[in-house]
Amino acid sequence: MLVNKNNACIIDWEVGGILPYPVSIARLIAHGKDNENYLFYMTDSDKEFALNYYYDNFIKYKDISYEDYIDAINYFLLFEYCEWIMLKEKYQEEHEIHKEYYLKAINHIKNIENR
């Protein structure tokens, strides 16, 4: 816990670590839905804004091209979708979310192939 006279902050280090740069933004985009009642509400324009903002303010200064950035994001998005398929297989239970992510994975593979 970090504390000063005005603030207190708890940091959960349970799964702390260094992840590749695309992980956070890919998770946000992969799990965002255009549904105001959903936990991660994001329209397609919100997702596009987040991708561009992240690149413009962080990634381009690392000499990574926009094309390489988008390629990396696409592969990490596929990982996020496939993670739910793996959980279905691991626990031998099927829920609507597994079907949803299976379809997302299939469509995402097709988009990657067509690039």
PDB file of N, CA and C in Angstrom:
ATOM      1  N   MET A   1       0.842  -1.164   0.000  1.00  0.00           N
ATOM      2  CA  MET A   1       0.000   0.000   0.000  1.00  0.00           C
ATOM      3  C   MET A   1       0.895   1.237   0.000  1.00  0.00           C
ATOM      4  N   LEU A   2       0.556   2.191  -0.834  1.00  0.00           N
ATOM      5  CA  LEU A   2       1.244   3.474  -0.882  1.00  0.00           C
ATOM      6  C   LEU A   2       0.339   4.525  -0.251  1.00  0.00           C
ATOM      7  N   VAL A   3       0.876   5.307   0.658  1.00  0.00           N
ATOM      8  CA  VAL A   3       0.063   6.286   1.372  1.00  0.00           C
ATOM      9  C   VAL A   3       0.835   7.592   1.485  1.00  0.00           C
ATOM     10  N   ASN A   4       0.125   8.701   1.265  1.00  0.00           N
ATOM     11  CA  ASN A   4       0.658  10.018   1.617  1.00  0.00           C
ATOM     12  C   ASN A   4      -0.469  10.768   2.324  1.00  0.00           C
ATOM     13  N   LYS A   5      -0.266  12.024   2.635  1.00  0.00           N
ATOM     14  CA  LYS A   5      -1.271  12.729   3.440  1.00  0.00           C
ATOM     15  C   LYS A   5      -2.606  12.923   2.723  1.00  0.00           C
ATOM     16  N   ASN A   6      -2.632  12.800   1.378  1.00  0.00           N
ATOM     17  CA  ASN A   6      -3.871  13.030   0.630  1.00  0.00           C
ATOM     18  C   ASN A   6      -4.477  11.779   0.006  1.00  0.00           C
ATOM     19  N   ASN A   7      -3.679  10.748  -0.167  1.00  0.00           N
ATOM     20  CA  ASN A   7      -4.150   9.591  -0.933  1.00  0.00           C
ATOM     21  C   ASN A   7      -3.635   8.279  -0.347  1.00  0.00           C
ATOM     22  N   ALA A   8      -4.362   7.230  -0.652  1.00  0.00           N
ATOM     23  CA  ALA A   8      -3.912   5.874  -0.365  1.00  0.00           C
ATOM     24  C   ALA A   8      -4.154   5.049  -1.618  1.00  0.00           C
ATOM     25  N   CYS A   9      -3.228   4.190  -1.916  1.00  0.00           N
ATOM     26  CA  CYS A   9      -3.339   3.384  -3.137  1.00  0.00           C
ATOM     27  C   CYS A   9      -2.896   1.966  -2.816  1.00  0.00           C
ATOM     28  N   ILE A  10      -3.719   0.999  -3.190  1.00  0.00           N
ATOM     29  CA  ILE A  10      -3.373  -0.408  -3.015  1.00  0.00           C
ATOM     30  C   ILE A  10      -2.985  -0.953  -4.382  1.00  0.00           C
ATOM     31  N   ILE A  11      -1.843  -1.599  -4.436  1.00  0.00           N
ATOM     32  CA  ILE A  11      -1.374  -2.206  -5.676  1.00  0.00           C
ATOM     33  C   ILE A  11      -1.392  -3.715  -5.496  1.00  0.00           C
ATOM     34  N   ASP A  12      -2.089  -4.407  -6.386  1.00  0.00           N
ATOM     35  CA  ASP A  12      -2.179  -5.863  -6.342  1.00  0.00           C
ATOM     36  C   ASP A  12      -1.075  -6.432  -7.231  1.00  0.00           C
ATOM     37  N   TRP A  13      -0.046  -6.997  -6.622  1.00  0.00           N
ATOM     38  CA  TRP A  13       1.094  -7.531  -7.367  1.00  0.00           C
ATOM     39  C   TRP A  13       0.980  -9.044  -7.577  1.00  0.00           C
ATOM     40  N   GLU A  14      -0.191  -9.617  -7.327  1.00  0.00           N
ATOM     41  CA  GLU A  14      -0.331 -11.074  -7.395  1.00  0.00           C
ATOM     42  C   GLU A  14       0.132 -11.640  -8.736  1.00  0.00           C
ATOM     43  N   VAL A  15      -0.267 -11.027  -9.819  1.00  0.00           N
ATOM     44  CA  VAL A  15       0.141 -11.508 -11.138  1.00  0.00           C
ATOM     45  C   VAL A  15       0.941 -10.430 -11.862  1.00  0.00           C
ATOM     46  N   GLY A  16       1.687  -9.662 -11.116  1.00  0.00           N
ATOM     47  CA  GLY A  16       2.494  -8.597 -11.705  1.00  0.00           C
ATOM     48  C   GLY A  16       3.568  -9.168 -12.616  1.00  0.00           C
ATOM     49  N   GLY A  17       3.867  -8.469 -13.635  1.00  0.00           N
ATOM     50  CA  GLY A  17       4.907  -8.898 -14.554  1.00  0.00           C
ATOM     51  C   GLY A  17       4.991  -7.954 -15.726  1.00  0.00           C
ATOM     52  N   ILE A  18       5.930  -8.222 -16.589  1.00  0.00           N
ATOM     53  CA  ILE A  18       6.103  -7.422 -17.793  1.00  0.00           C
ATOM     54  C   ILE A  18       5.492  -8.201 -18.948  1.00  0.00           C
ATOM     55  N   LEU A  19       4.559  -7.575 -19.629  1.00  0.00           N
ATOM     56  CA  LEU A  19       3.894  -8.194 -20.765  1.00  0.00           C
ATOM     57  C   LEU A  19       4.265  -7.452 -22.042  1.00  0.00           C
ATOM     58  N   PRO A  20       4.187  -8.114 -23.166  1.00  0.00           N
ATOM     59  CA  PRO A  20       4.416  -7.412 -24.429  1.00  0.00           C
ATOM     60  C   PRO A  20       3.420  -6.265 -24.592  1.00  0.00           C
ATOM     61  N   TYR A  21       3.845  -5.200 -25.261  1.00  0.00           N
ATOM     62  CA  TYR A  21       3.012  -3.998 -25.346  1.00  0.00           C
ATOM     63  C   TYR A  21       1.616  -4.215 -25.908  1.00  0.00           C
ATOM     64  N   PRO A  22       1.369  -5.160 -26.818  1.00  0.00           N
ATOM     65  CA  PRO A  22       0.006  -5.266 -27.367  1.00  0.00           C
ATOM     66  C   PRO A  22      -1.025  -5.885 -26.422  1.00  0.00           C
ATOM     67  N   VAL A  23      -0.599  -6.497 -25.338  1.00  0.00           N
ATOM     68  CA  VAL A  23      -1.533  -7.252 -24.504  1.00  0.00           C
ATOM     69  C   VAL A  23      -2.671  -6.393 -23.962  1.00  0.00           C
ATOM     70  N   SER A  24      -2.358  -5.303 -23.332  1.00  0.00           N
ATOM     71  CA  SER A  24      -3.400  -4.490 -22.682  1.00  0.00           C
ATOM     72  C   SER A  24      -4.413  -3.941 -23.669  1.00  0.00           C
ATOM     73  N   ILE A  25      -3.929  -3.357 -24.745  1.00  0.00           N
ATOM     74  CA  ILE A  25      -4.853  -2.771 -25.721  1.00  0.00           C
ATOM     75  C   ILE A  25      -5.655  -3.865 -26.430  1.00  0.00           C
ATOM     76  N   ALA A  26      -5.036  -5.015 -26.693  1.00  0.00           N
ATOM     77  CA  ALA A  26      -5.756  -6.123 -27.331  1.00  0.00           C
ATOM     78  C   ALA A  26      -6.865  -6.644 -26.419  1.00  0.00           C
ATOM     79  N   ARG A  27      -6.584  -6.742 -25.138  1.00  0.00           N
ATOM     80  CA  ARG A  27      -7.616  -7.211 -24.195  1.00  0.00           C
ATOM     81  C   ARG A  27      -8.787  -6.244 -24.159  1.00  0.00           C
ATOM     82  N   LEU A  28      -8.491  -4.990 -24.109  1.00  0.00           N
ATOM     83  CA  LEU A  28      -9.538  -3.976 -24.072  1.00  0.00           C
ATOM     84  C   LEU A  28     -10.424  -4.077 -25.313  1.00  0.00           C
ATOM     85  N   ILE A  29      -9.811  -4.193 -26.460  1.00  0.00           N
ATOM     86  CA  ILE A  29     -10.556  -4.249 -27.714  1.00  0.00           C
ATOM     87  C   ILE A  29     -11.281  -5.587 -27.878  1.00  0.00           C
ATOM     88  N   ALA A  30     -10.618  -6.674 -27.525  1.00  0.00           N
ATOM     89  CA  ALA A  30     -11.205  -8.005 -27.707  1.00  0.00           C
ATOM     90  C   ALA A  30     -12.476  -8.191 -26.885  1.00  0.00           C
ATOM     91  N   HIS A  31     -12.496  -7.603 -25.704  1.00  0.00           N
ATOM     92  CA  HIS A  31     -13.608  -7.857 -24.796  1.00  0.00           C
ATOM     93  C   HIS A  31     -14.607  -6.709 -24.725  1.00  0.00           C
ATOM     94  N   GLY A  32     -14.366  -5.630 -25.465  1.00  0.00           N
ATOM     95  CA  GLY A  32     -15.300  -4.514 -25.503  1.00  0.00           C
ATOM     96  C   GLY A  32     -16.488  -4.829 -26.405  1.00  0.00           C
ATOM     97  N   LYS A  33     -17.656  -4.425 -25.971  1.00  0.00           N
ATOM     98  CA  LYS A  33     -18.875  -4.640 -26.766  1.00  0.00           C
ATOM     99  C   LYS A  33     -19.631  -3.327 -26.916  1.00  0.00           C
ATOM    100  N   ASP A  34     -20.320  -3.208 -28.021  1.00  0.00           N
ATOM    101  CA  ASP A  34     -21.151  -2.036 -28.279  1.00  0.00           C
ATOM    102  C   ASP A  34     -22.517  -2.247 -27.625  1.00  0.00           C
ATOM    103  N   ASN A  35     -22.491  -2.287 -26.294  1.00  0.00           N
ATOM    104  CA  ASN A  35     -23.693  -2.520 -25.500  1.00  0.00           C
ATOM    105  C   ASN A  35     -23.514  -1.734 -24.201  1.00  0.00           C
ATOM    106  N   GLU A  36     -24.306  -0.714 -24.007  1.00  0.00           N
ATOM    107  CA  GLU A  36     -24.142   0.171 -22.850  1.00  0.00           C
ATOM    108  C   GLU A  36     -24.297  -0.541 -21.511  1.00  0.00           C
ATOM    109  N   ASN A  37     -24.927  -1.695 -21.489  1.00  0.00           N
ATOM    110  CA  ASN A  37     -25.105  -2.449 -20.249  1.00  0.00           C
ATOM    111  C   ASN A  37     -23.972  -3.429 -19.988  1.00  0.00           C
ATOM    112  N   TYR A  38     -23.036  -3.512 -20.899  1.00  0.00           N
ATOM    113  CA  TYR A  38     -21.930  -4.460 -20.779  1.00  0.00           C
ATOM    114  C   TYR A  38     -20.789  -3.833 -19.984  1.00  0.00           C
ATOM    115  N   LEU A  39     -20.035  -4.651 -19.288  1.00  0.00           N
ATOM    116  CA  LEU A  39     -18.949  -4.173 -18.441  1.00  0.00           C
ATOM    117  C   LEU A  39     -17.926  -3.346 -19.219  1.00  0.00           C
ATOM    118  N   PHE A  40     -17.505  -3.826 -20.390  1.00  0.00           N
ATOM    119  CA  PHE A  40     -16.540  -3.105 -21.213  1.00  0.00           C
ATOM    120  C   PHE A  40     -17.258  -2.548 -22.443  1.00  0.00           C
ATOM    121  N   TYR A  41     -17.944  -1.440 -22.263  1.00  0.00           N
ATOM    122  CA  TYR A  41     -18.694  -0.807 -23.351  1.00  0.00           C
ATOM    123  C   TYR A  41     -17.735  -0.049 -24.250  1.00  0.00           C
ATOM    124  N   MET A  42     -17.659  -0.463 -25.511  1.00  0.00           N
ATOM    125  CA  MET A  42     -16.824   0.222 -26.504  1.00  0.00           C
ATOM    126  C   MET A  42     -17.477   0.104 -27.867  1.00  0.00           C
ATOM    127  N   THR A  43     -17.663   1.230 -28.511  1.00  0.00           N
ATOM    128  CA  THR A  43     -18.137   1.216 -29.892  1.00  0.00           C
ATOM    129  C   THR A  43     -16.942   0.940 -30.797  1.00  0.00           C
ATOM    130  N   ASP A  44     -17.207   0.668 -32.059  1.00  0.00           N
ATOM    131  CA  ASP A  44     -16.109   0.472 -33.008  1.00  0.00           C
ATOM    132  C   ASP A  44     -15.256   1.733 -33.120  1.00  0.00           C
ATOM    133  N   SER A  45     -15.896   2.903 -33.069  1.00  0.00           N
ATOM    134  CA  SER A  45     -15.117   4.143 -33.139  1.00  0.00           C
ATOM    135  C   SER A  45     -14.269   4.328 -31.872  1.00  0.00           C
ATOM    136  N   ASP A  46     -14.753   3.879 -30.716  1.00  0.00           N
ATOM    137  CA  ASP A  46     -13.946   3.909 -29.492  1.00  0.00           C
ATOM    138  C   ASP A  46     -12.715   3.023 -29.639  1.00  0.00           C
ATOM    139  N   LYS A  47     -12.913   1.854 -30.213  1.00  0.00           N
ATOM    140  CA  LYS A  47     -11.798   0.918 -30.409  1.00  0.00           C
ATOM    141  C   LYS A  47     -10.765   1.508 -31.359  1.00  0.00           C
ATOM    142  N   GLU A  48     -11.236   2.090 -32.444  1.00  0.00           N
ATOM    143  CA  GLU A  48     -10.334   2.723 -33.415  1.00  0.00           C
ATOM    144  C   GLU A  48      -9.570   3.873 -32.763  1.00  0.00           C
ATOM    145  N   PHE A  49     -10.273   4.682 -31.983  1.00  0.00           N
ATOM    146  CA  PHE A  49      -9.632   5.782 -31.269  1.00  0.00           C
ATOM    147  C   PHE A  49      -8.549   5.251 -30.329  1.00  0.00           C
ATOM    148  N   ALA A  50      -8.871   4.208 -29.563  1.00  0.00           N
ATOM    149  CA  ALA A  50      -7.911   3.640 -28.606  1.00  0.00           C
ATOM    150  C   ALA A  50      -6.674   3.109 -29.329  1.00  0.00           C
ATOM    151  N   LEU A  51      -6.876   2.405 -30.428  1.00  0.00           N
ATOM    152  CA  LEU A  51      -5.736   1.886 -31.204  1.00  0.00           C
ATOM    153  C   LEU A  51      -4.829   3.014 -31.682  1.00  0.00           C
ATOM    154  N   ASN A  52      -5.429   4.032 -32.258  1.00  0.00           N
ATOM    155  CA  ASN A  52      -4.643   5.141 -32.792  1.00  0.00           C
ATOM    156  C   ASN A  52      -3.988   5.971 -31.693  1.00  0.00           C
ATOM    157  N   TYR A  53      -4.716   6.203 -30.617  1.00  0.00           N
ATOM    158  CA  TYR A  53      -4.165   6.985 -29.500  1.00  0.00           C
ATOM    159  C   TYR A  53      -2.956   6.279 -28.896  1.00  0.00           C
ATOM    160  N   TYR A  54      -3.093   4.998 -28.678  1.00  0.00           N
ATOM    161  CA  TYR A  54      -2.007   4.202 -28.095  1.00  0.00           C
ATOM    162  C   TYR A  54      -0.777   4.241 -29.000  1.00  0.00           C
ATOM    163  N   TYR A  55      -1.016   4.085 -30.311  1.00  0.00           N
ATOM    164  CA  TYR A  55       0.117   4.136 -31.244  1.00  0.00           C
ATOM    165  C   TYR A  55       0.749   5.524 -31.250  1.00  0.00           C
ATOM    166  N   ASP A  56      -0.049   6.544 -31.429  1.00  0.00           N
ATOM    167  CA  ASP A  56       0.459   7.915 -31.560  1.00  0.00           C
ATOM    168  C   ASP A  56       1.179   8.410 -30.314  1.00  0.00           C
ATOM    169  N   ASN A  57       0.761   7.952 -29.148  1.00  0.00           N
ATOM    170  CA  ASN A  57       1.322   8.478 -27.907  1.00  0.00           C
ATOM    171  C   ASN A  57       2.361   7.582 -27.243  1.00  0.00           C
ATOM    172  N   PHE A  58       2.470   6.345 -27.685  1.00  0.00           N
ATOM    173  CA  PHE A  58       3.424   5.448 -27.049  1.00  0.00           C
ATOM    174  C   PHE A  58       4.291   4.665 -28.033  1.00  0.00           C
ATOM    175  N   ILE A  59       3.667   4.030 -28.981  1.00  0.00           N
ATOM    176  CA  ILE A  59       4.368   3.041 -29.800  1.00  0.00           C
ATOM    177  C   ILE A  59       5.234   3.653 -30.884  1.00  0.00           C
ATOM    178  N   LYS A  60       4.756   4.680 -31.560  1.00  0.00           N
ATOM    179  CA  LYS A  60       5.529   5.219 -32.684  1.00  0.00           C
ATOM    180  C   LYS A  60       6.885   5.756 -32.245  1.00  0.00           C
ATOM    181  N   TYR A  61       7.022   6.115 -30.989  1.00  0.00           N
ATOM    182  CA  TYR A  61       8.306   6.613 -30.476  1.00  0.00           C
ATOM    183  C   TYR A  61       9.317   5.494 -30.233  1.00  0.00           C
ATOM    184  N   LYS A  62       8.872   4.270 -30.417  1.00  0.00           N
ATOM    185  CA  LYS A  62       9.751   3.108 -30.262  1.00  0.00           C
ATOM    186  C   LYS A  62      10.221   2.584 -31.616  1.00  0.00           C
ATOM    187  N   ASP A  63      10.040   3.393 -32.665  1.00  0.00           N
ATOM    188  CA  ASP A  63      10.425   3.018 -34.033  1.00  0.00           C
ATOM    189  C   ASP A  63       9.731   1.743 -34.518  1.00  0.00           C
ATOM    190  N   ILE A  64       8.461   1.592 -34.153  1.00  0.00           N
ATOM    191  CA  ILE A  64       7.640   0.489 -34.630  1.00  0.00           C
ATOM    192  C   ILE A  64       6.648   1.080 -35.620  1.00  0.00           C
ATOM    193  N   SER A  65       6.611   0.532 -36.818  1.00  0.00           N
ATOM    194  CA  SER A  65       5.698   1.063 -37.831  1.00  0.00           C
ATOM    195  C   SER A  65       4.252   0.759 -37.454  1.00  0.00           C
ATOM    196  N   TYR A  66       3.332   1.569 -38.002  1.00  0.00           N
ATOM    197  CA  TYR A  66       1.920   1.346 -37.732  1.00  0.00           C
ATOM    198  C   TYR A  66       1.483  -0.028 -38.227  1.00  0.00           C
ATOM    199  N   GLU A  67       2.011  -0.443 -39.373  1.00  0.00           N
ATOM    200  CA  GLU A  67       1.655  -1.754 -39.934  1.00  0.00           C
ATOM    201  C   GLU A  67       2.103  -2.882 -39.004  1.00  0.00           C
ATOM    202  N   ASP A  68       3.335  -2.792 -38.489  1.00  0.00           N
ATOM    203  CA  ASP A  68       3.817  -3.816 -37.555  1.00  0.00           C
ATOM    204  C   ASP A  68       3.001  -3.805 -36.265  1.00  0.00           C
ATOM    205  N   TYR A  69       2.642  -2.632 -35.822  1.00  0.00           N
ATOM    206  CA  TYR A  69       1.809  -2.482 -34.624  1.00  0.00           C
ATOM    207  C   TYR A  69       0.467  -3.176 -34.826  1.00  0.00           C
ATOM    208  N   ILE A  70      -0.198  -2.909 -35.941  1.00  0.00           N
ATOM    209  CA  ILE A  70      -1.503  -3.523 -36.218  1.00  0.00           C
ATOM    210  C   ILE A  70      -1.364  -5.035 -36.360  1.00  0.00           C
ATOM    211  N   ASP A  71      -0.293  -5.497 -37.000  1.00  0.00           N
ATOM    212  CA  ASP A  71      -0.068  -6.945 -37.090  1.00  0.00           C
ATOM    213  C   ASP A  71       0.042  -7.561 -35.699  1.00  0.00           C
ATOM    214  N   ALA A  72       0.822  -6.930 -34.826  1.00  0.00           N
ATOM    215  CA  ALA A  72       0.986  -7.444 -33.458  1.00  0.00           C
ATOM    216  C   ALA A  72      -0.347  -7.444 -32.726  1.00  0.00           C
ATOM    217  N   ILE A  73      -1.092  -6.368 -32.851  1.00  0.00           N
ATOM    218  CA  ILE A  73      -2.410  -6.287 -32.205  1.00  0.00           C
ATOM    219  C   ILE A  73      -3.314  -7.408 -32.712  1.00  0.00           C
ATOM    220  N   ASN A  74      -3.304  -7.645 -34.015  1.00  0.00           N
ATOM    221  CA  ASN A  74      -4.158  -8.696 -34.582  1.00  0.00           C
ATOM    222  C   ASN A  74      -3.830 -10.069 -34.016  1.00  0.00           C
ATOM    223  N   TYR A  75      -2.552 -10.380 -33.844  1.00  0.00           N
ATOM    224  CA  TYR A  75      -2.190 -11.685 -33.291  1.00  0.00           C
ATOM    225  C   TYR A  75      -2.550 -11.783 -31.815  1.00  0.00           C
ATOM    226  N   PHE A  76      -2.419 -10.690 -31.084  1.00  0.00           N
ATOM    227  CA  PHE A  76      -2.811 -10.725 -29.682  1.00  0.00           C
ATOM    228  C   PHE A  76      -4.330 -10.758 -29.530  1.00  0.00           C
ATOM    229  N   LEU A  77      -5.064 -10.142 -30.440  1.00  0.00           N
ATOM    230  CA  LEU A  77      -6.526 -10.273 -30.430  1.00  0.00           C
ATOM    231  C   LEU A  77      -6.921 -11.729 -30.632  1.00  0.00           C
ATOM    232  N   LEU A  78      -6.269 -12.394 -31.578  1.00  0.00           N
ATOM    233  CA  LEU A  78      -6.558 -13.805 -31.823  1.00  0.00           C
ATOM    234  C   LEU A  78      -6.279 -14.626 -30.569  1.00  0.00           C
ATOM    235  N   PHE A  79      -5.184 -14.322 -29.881  1.00  0.00           N
ATOM    236  CA  PHE A  79      -4.886 -15.017 -28.631  1.00  0.00           C
ATOM    237  C   PHE A  79      -6.007 -14.819 -27.615  1.00  0.00           C
ATOM    238  N   GLU A  80      -6.498 -13.584 -27.485  1.00  0.00           N
ATOM    239  CA  GLU A  80      -7.577 -13.308 -26.533  1.00  0.00           C
ATOM    240  C   GLU A  80      -8.825 -14.110 -26.869  1.00  0.00           C
ATOM    241  N   TYR A  81      -9.163 -14.208 -28.143  1.00  0.00           N
ATOM    242  CA  TYR A  81     -10.333 -14.978 -28.544  1.00  0.00           C
ATOM    243  C   TYR A  81     -10.134 -16.470 -28.278  1.00  0.00           C
ATOM    244  N   CYS A  82      -8.946 -16.970 -28.609  1.00  0.00           N
ATOM    245  CA  CYS A  82      -8.670 -18.405 -28.455  1.00  0.00           C
ATOM    246  C   CYS A  82      -8.563 -18.824 -26.996  1.00  0.00           C
ATOM    247  N   GLU A  83      -8.221 -17.887 -26.130  1.00  0.00           N
ATOM    248  CA  GLU A  83      -8.132 -18.213 -24.707  1.00  0.00           C
ATOM    249  C   GLU A  83      -9.468 -18.745 -24.188  1.00  0.00           C
ATOM    250  N   TRP A  84     -10.562 -18.172 -24.653  1.00  0.00           N
ATOM    251  CA  TRP A  84     -11.876 -18.639 -24.220  1.00  0.00           C
ATOM    252  C   TRP A  84     -12.216 -20.004 -24.787  1.00  0.00           C
ATOM    253  N   ILE A  85     -11.720 -20.295 -25.976  1.00  0.00           N
ATOM    254  CA  ILE A  85     -11.918 -21.620 -26.561  1.00  0.00           C
ATOM    255  C   ILE A  85     -11.147 -22.654 -25.744  1.00  0.00           C
ATOM    256  N   MET A  86      -9.931 -22.306 -25.331  1.00  0.00           N
ATOM    257  CA  MET A  86      -9.118 -23.196 -24.511  1.00  0.00           C
ATOM    258  C   MET A  86      -9.808 -23.481 -23.172  1.00  0.00           C
ATOM    259  N   LEU A  87     -10.412 -22.463 -22.571  1.00  0.00           N
ATOM    260  CA  LEU A  87     -11.098 -22.671 -21.295  1.00  0.00           C
ATOM    261  C   LEU A  87     -12.274 -23.624 -21.443  1.00  0.00           C
ATOM    262  N   LYS A  88     -12.979 -23.540 -22.549  1.00  0.00           N
ATOM    263  CA  LYS A  88     -14.087 -24.465 -22.814  1.00  0.00           C
ATOM    264  C   LYS A  88     -13.550 -25.889 -22.864  1.00  0.00           C
ATOM    265  N   GLU A  89     -12.449 -26.087 -23.581  1.00  0.00           N
ATOM    266  CA  GLU A  89     -11.855 -27.417 -23.703  1.00  0.00           C
ATOM    267  C   GLU A  89     -11.315 -27.909 -22.363  1.00  0.00           C
ATOM    268  N   LYS A  90     -10.683 -27.030 -21.629  1.00  0.00           N
ATOM    269  CA  LYS A  90     -10.085 -27.411 -20.346  1.00  0.00           C
ATOM    270  C   LYS A  90     -11.134 -27.885 -19.345  1.00  0.00           C
ATOM    271  N   TYR A  91     -12.242 -27.161 -19.263  1.00  0.00           N
ATOM    272  CA  TYR A  91     -13.257 -27.475 -18.264  1.00  0.00           C
ATOM    273  C   TYR A  91     -14.436 -28.268 -18.823  1.00  0.00           C
ATOM    274  N   GLN A  92     -14.394 -28.574 -20.109  1.00  0.00           N
ATOM    275  CA  GLN A  92     -15.439 -29.368 -20.761  1.00  0.00           C
ATOM    276  C   GLN A  92     -16.842 -28.824 -20.483  1.00  0.00           C
ATOM    277  N   GLU A  93     -16.932 -27.500 -20.477  1.00  0.00           N
ATOM    278  CA  GLU A  93     -18.220 -26.838 -20.312  1.00  0.00           C
ATOM    279  C   GLU A  93     -18.385 -25.838 -21.443  1.00  0.00           C
ATOM    280  N   GLU A  94     -19.582 -25.758 -21.953  1.00  0.00           N
ATOM    281  CA  GLU A  94     -19.821 -24.798 -23.025  1.00  0.00           C
ATOM    282  C   GLU A  94     -20.881 -23.797 -22.605  1.00  0.00           C
ATOM    283  N   HIS A  95     -20.551 -22.533 -22.824  1.00  0.00           N
ATOM    284  CA  HIS A  95     -21.452 -21.433 -22.535  1.00  0.00           C
ATOM    285  C   HIS A  95     -21.547 -20.567 -23.784  1.00  0.00           C
ATOM    286  N   GLU A  96     -22.495 -19.672 -23.806  1.00  0.00           N
ATOM    287  CA  GLU A  96     -22.653 -18.779 -24.957  1.00  0.00           C
ATOM    288  C   GLU A  96     -21.376 -17.995 -25.252  1.00  0.00           C
ATOM    289  N   ILE A  97     -20.648 -17.617 -24.203  1.00  0.00           N
ATOM    290  CA  ILE A  97     -19.426 -16.834 -24.416  1.00  0.00           C
ATOM    291  C   ILE A  97     -18.396 -17.624 -25.221  1.00  0.00           C
ATOM    292  N   HIS A  98     -18.361 -18.940 -25.053  1.00  0.00           N
ATOM    293  CA  HIS A  98     -17.423 -19.755 -25.832  1.00  0.00           C
ATOM    294  C   HIS A  98     -17.784 -19.730 -27.312  1.00  0.00           C
ATOM    295  N   LYS A  99     -19.052 -19.828 -27.608  1.00  0.00           N
ATOM    296  CA  LYS A  99     -19.502 -19.767 -29.000  1.00  0.00           C
ATOM    297  C   LYS A  99     -19.172 -18.403 -29.603  1.00  0.00           C
ATOM    298  N   GLU A 100     -19.410 -17.368 -28.817  1.00  0.00           N
ATOM    299  CA  GLU A 100     -19.132 -16.006 -29.285  1.00  0.00           C
ATOM    300  C   GLU A 100     -17.652 -15.832 -29.623  1.00  0.00           C
ATOM    301  N   TYR A 101     -16.777 -16.298 -28.743  1.00  0.00           N
ATOM    302  CA  TYR A 101     -15.344 -16.130 -28.985  1.00  0.00           C
ATOM    303  C   TYR A 101     -14.836 -17.073 -30.068  1.00  0.00           C
ATOM    304  N   TYR A 102     -15.461 -18.216 -30.232  1.00  0.00           N
ATOM    305  CA  TYR A 102     -15.104 -19.108 -31.339  1.00  0.00           C
ATOM    306  C   TYR A 102     -15.383 -18.407 -32.670  1.00  0.00           C
ATOM    307  N   LEU A 103     -16.549 -17.806 -32.786  1.00  0.00           N
ATOM    308  CA  LEU A 103     -16.891 -17.080 -34.018  1.00  0.00           C
ATOM    309  C   LEU A 103     -15.965 -15.876 -34.232  1.00  0.00           C
ATOM    310  N   LYS A 104     -15.637 -15.176 -33.136  1.00  0.00           N
ATOM    311  CA  LYS A 104     -14.695 -14.061 -33.255  1.00  0.00           C
ATOM    312  C   LYS A 104     -13.346 -14.556 -33.765  1.00  0.00           C
ATOM    313  N   ALA A 105     -12.880 -15.684 -33.244  1.00  0.00           N
ATOM    314  CA  ALA A 105     -11.585 -16.232 -33.665  1.00  0.00           C
ATOM    315  C   ALA A 105     -11.607 -16.601 -35.149  1.00  0.00           C
ATOM    316  N   ILE A 106     -12.644 -17.296 -35.578  1.00  0.00           N
ATOM    317  CA  ILE A 106     -12.758 -17.706 -36.986  1.00  0.00           C
ATOM    318  C   ILE A 106     -12.780 -16.481 -37.893  1.00  0.00           C
ATOM    319  N   ASN A 107     -13.587 -15.489 -37.565  1.00  0.00           N
ATOM    320  CA  ASN A 107     -13.662 -14.271 -38.385  1.00  0.00           C
ATOM    321  C   ASN A 107     -12.349 -13.502 -38.358  1.00  0.00           C
ATOM    322  N   HIS A 108     -11.693 -13.494 -37.223  1.00  0.00           N
ATOM    323  CA  HIS A 108     -10.426 -12.774 -37.120  1.00  0.00           C
ATOM    324  C   HIS A 108      -9.336 -13.454 -37.955  1.00  0.00           C
ATOM    325  N   ILE A 109      -9.326 -14.763 -37.961  1.00  0.00           N
ATOM    326  CA  ILE A 109      -8.374 -15.502 -38.808  1.00  0.00           C
ATOM    327  C   ILE A 109      -8.594 -15.161 -40.261  1.00  0.00           C
ATOM    328  N   LYS A 110      -9.841 -15.104 -40.684  1.00  0.00           N
ATOM    329  CA  LYS A 110     -10.152 -14.750 -42.077  1.00  0.00           C
ATOM    330  C   LYS A 110      -9.662 -13.329 -42.383  1.00  0.00           C
ATOM    331  N   ASN A 111      -9.859 -12.398 -41.448  1.00  0.00           N
ATOM    332  CA  ASN A 111      -9.390 -11.022 -41.659  1.00  0.00           C
ATOM    333  C   ASN A 111      -7.866 -10.960 -41.762  1.00  0.00           C
ATOM    334  N   ILE A 112      -7.183 -11.729 -40.922  1.00  0.00           N
ATOM    335  CA  ILE A 112      -5.717 -11.762 -40.976  1.00  0.00           C
ATOM    336  C   ILE A 112      -5.251 -12.329 -42.321  1.00  0.00           C
ATOM    337  N   GLU A 113      -5.899 -13.385 -42.767  1.00  0.00           N
ATOM    338  CA  GLU A 113      -5.528 -14.005 -44.047  1.00  0.00           C
ATOM    339  C   GLU A 113      -5.739 -13.062 -45.214  1.00  0.00           C
ATOM    340  N   ASN A 114      -6.738 -12.187 -45.117  1.00  0.00           N
ATOM    341  CA  ASN A 114      -7.066 -11.288 -46.228  1.00  0.00           C
ATOM    342  C   ASN A 114      -6.264 -10.001 -46.218  1.00  0.00           C
ATOM    343  N   ARG A 115      -5.401  -9.800 -45.251  1.00  0.00           N
ATOM    344  CA  ARG A 115      -4.592  -8.570 -45.179  1.00  0.00           C
ATOM    345  C   ARG A 115      -3.508  -8.593 -46.213  1.00  0.00           C
TER     346      ARG A 115
END
